[in-house]
Amino acid sequence: MGKYLVMIYDDEAKWAADDGSVMAQNDKNHRAFVEANGAAIRDAGQLDESTTATSIRTDGNGGYVVTDGVFAETREVMGGYYLIEAADLDEALAIAKQVPSPMGGVEVRPLVNGD
C-alpha cells in the first residue's frame, strides 16, 4: 500500500458566480465520497480562497521574499485535498475519479515515502 495526494483544483471565478446551489450539492457529493471511500482516506481538507495565500521564495542571497498571493498565477488553484492509501496508482486513480470537482479537476501524486 502507498499513499497518494489527490489535489483538487478549481476555477475560483466559477465558484464566485455560483448562487450557492452548486456549493450545496458539492458538499453533499464530498460527504458521499468520504462515506464510500472512508477506508482509503487518511486525511482531507478544504483550503481557503487563494487571496489568503502567502508565498515564500528564497532570494538567492540566503534570505527570503514573502509575498501575498499564490505561488503561480493560474486560472485554477488548489482548493482542497485528500490523502489516500491505495494498493497502486491504478487504485488511487480509481478513487480520485470519484472526487467531486465541478469547477475544475484533480491531480494525483504518490508520496515519496508513502508506505
Protein backbone atom coordinates (compact mmCIF):
# COMPACT_ATOMS: atom_id res chain seq x y z
CA MET A 1 0.00 0.00 0.00
CA GLY A 2 1.17 3.50 -0.79
CA LYS A 3 -0.06 6.98 -0.01
CA TYR A 4 -1.24 9.39 -2.68
CA LEU A 5 -2.16 13.05 -2.51
CA VAL A 6 -5.27 13.91 -4.50
CA MET A 7 -5.20 17.67 -5.06
CA ILE A 8 -8.45 19.35 -6.03
CA TYR A 9 -8.11 22.30 -8.39
CA ASP A 10 -10.95 24.74 -9.02
CA ASP A 11 -11.68 27.86 -11.01
CA GLU A 12 -12.48 30.38 -8.27
CA ALA A 13 -14.24 32.72 -10.70
CA LYS A 14 -16.78 29.97 -11.41
CA TRP A 15 -17.34 29.45 -7.68
CA ALA A 16 -17.82 33.19 -7.21
CA ALA A 17 -20.58 33.11 -9.84
CA ASP A 18 -22.38 30.21 -8.11
CA ASP A 19 -25.69 31.08 -6.46
CA GLY A 20 -24.90 28.57 -3.70
CA SER A 21 -26.71 25.63 -5.28
CA VAL A 22 -23.56 24.08 -6.79
CA MET A 23 -21.71 24.54 -3.48
CA ALA A 24 -24.52 22.82 -1.58
CA GLN A 25 -24.56 19.90 -4.00
CA ASN A 26 -20.76 19.72 -3.96
CA ASP A 27 -20.81 19.46 -0.15
CA LYS A 28 -23.28 16.56 -0.39
CA ASN A 29 -21.12 14.91 -3.05
CA HIS A 30 -17.98 15.17 -0.89
CA ARG A 31 -19.81 13.67 2.08
CA ALA A 32 -20.91 10.77 -0.14
CA PHE A 33 -17.34 10.38 -1.46
CA VAL A 34 -15.99 10.17 2.10
CA GLU A 35 -18.66 7.66 3.08
CA ALA A 36 -17.89 5.49 0.04
CA ASN A 37 -14.08 5.72 0.36
CA GLY A 38 -13.54 6.20 4.09
CA ALA A 39 -11.31 3.14 4.37
CA ALA A 40 -8.79 4.69 1.97
CA ILE A 41 -8.86 8.29 3.24
CA ARG A 42 -6.09 9.21 5.68
CA ASP A 43 -6.64 12.99 5.75
CA ALA A 44 -8.55 15.68 3.91
CA GLY A 45 -9.01 19.41 3.92
CA GLN A 46 -10.56 22.37 2.16
CA LEU A 47 -8.34 25.39 1.59
CA ASP A 48 -9.42 28.99 1.96
CA GLU A 49 -9.55 31.20 -1.15
CA SER A 50 -6.30 31.85 -2.99
CA THR A 51 -6.46 35.53 -1.97
CA THR A 52 -5.46 34.37 1.53
CA ALA A 53 -2.29 32.62 0.29
CA THR A 54 1.21 33.74 1.19
CA SER A 55 4.17 32.57 -0.92
CA ILE A 56 7.76 32.29 0.28
CA ARG A 57 10.76 32.06 -2.04
CA THR A 58 14.47 32.26 -1.43
CA ASP A 59 16.06 35.46 -2.70
CA GLY A 60 19.33 33.80 -3.74
CA ASN A 61 21.28 35.62 -1.02
CA GLY A 62 20.34 33.50 1.97
CA GLY A 63 17.13 35.40 2.66
CA TYR A 64 13.51 35.07 1.71
CA VAL A 65 10.92 37.02 -0.23
CA VAL A 66 7.44 36.78 1.24
CA THR A 67 4.56 37.88 -0.98
CA ASP A 68 0.80 37.85 -0.72
CA GLY A 69 -0.90 35.55 -3.20
CA VAL A 70 -0.46 32.17 -4.78
CA PHE A 71 2.89 30.82 -5.97
CA ALA A 72 1.89 30.83 -9.64
CA GLU A 73 -0.74 32.84 -11.46
CA THR A 74 -3.15 30.29 -12.92
CA ARG A 75 -6.84 30.12 -13.65
CA GLU A 76 -7.31 27.06 -11.45
CA VAL A 77 -5.94 26.96 -7.91
CA MET A 78 -5.70 24.20 -5.35
CA GLY A 79 -8.86 24.27 -3.28
CA GLY A 80 -8.53 21.11 -1.22
CA TYR A 81 -7.03 17.67 -0.96
CA TYR A 82 -7.47 14.08 0.10
CA LEU A 83 -4.58 11.96 1.33
CA ILE A 84 -5.47 8.40 0.40
CA GLU A 85 -3.91 4.99 0.74
CA ALA A 86 -4.11 2.63 -2.22
CA ALA A 87 -2.51 -0.60 -3.40
CA ASP A 88 -1.11 1.09 -6.52
CA LEU A 89 -1.55 4.04 -8.86
CA ASP A 90 -4.44 2.36 -10.69
CA GLU A 91 -6.41 2.03 -7.46
CA ALA A 92 -5.52 5.61 -6.47
CA LEU A 93 -6.78 6.87 -9.84
CA ALA A 94 -10.00 4.88 -9.49
CA ILE A 95 -10.62 6.58 -6.13
CA ALA A 96 -9.57 10.02 -7.43
CA LYS A 97 -12.02 9.79 -10.33
CA GLN A 98 -14.80 9.83 -7.73
CA VAL A 99 -13.67 13.11 -6.10
CA PRO A 100 -16.25 15.84 -6.74
CA SER A 101 -14.72 18.75 -8.63
CA PRO A 102 -17.46 20.53 -10.59
CA MET A 103 -15.37 23.67 -11.20
CA GLY A 104 -12.07 22.02 -12.13
CA GLY A 105 -10.30 18.69 -11.75
CA VAL A 106 -7.91 16.69 -9.61
CA GLU A 107 -4.23 15.78 -9.72
CA VAL A 108 -2.84 12.61 -8.13
CA ARG A 109 0.74 12.24 -6.90
CA PRO A 110 2.36 9.44 -4.91
CA LEU A 111 4.17 10.38 -1.71
CA VAL A 112 7.87 9.58 -1.97
CA ASN A 113 7.91 7.78 1.38
CA GLY A 114 4.23 6.88 1.34
CA ASP A 115 4.43 3.30 2.53
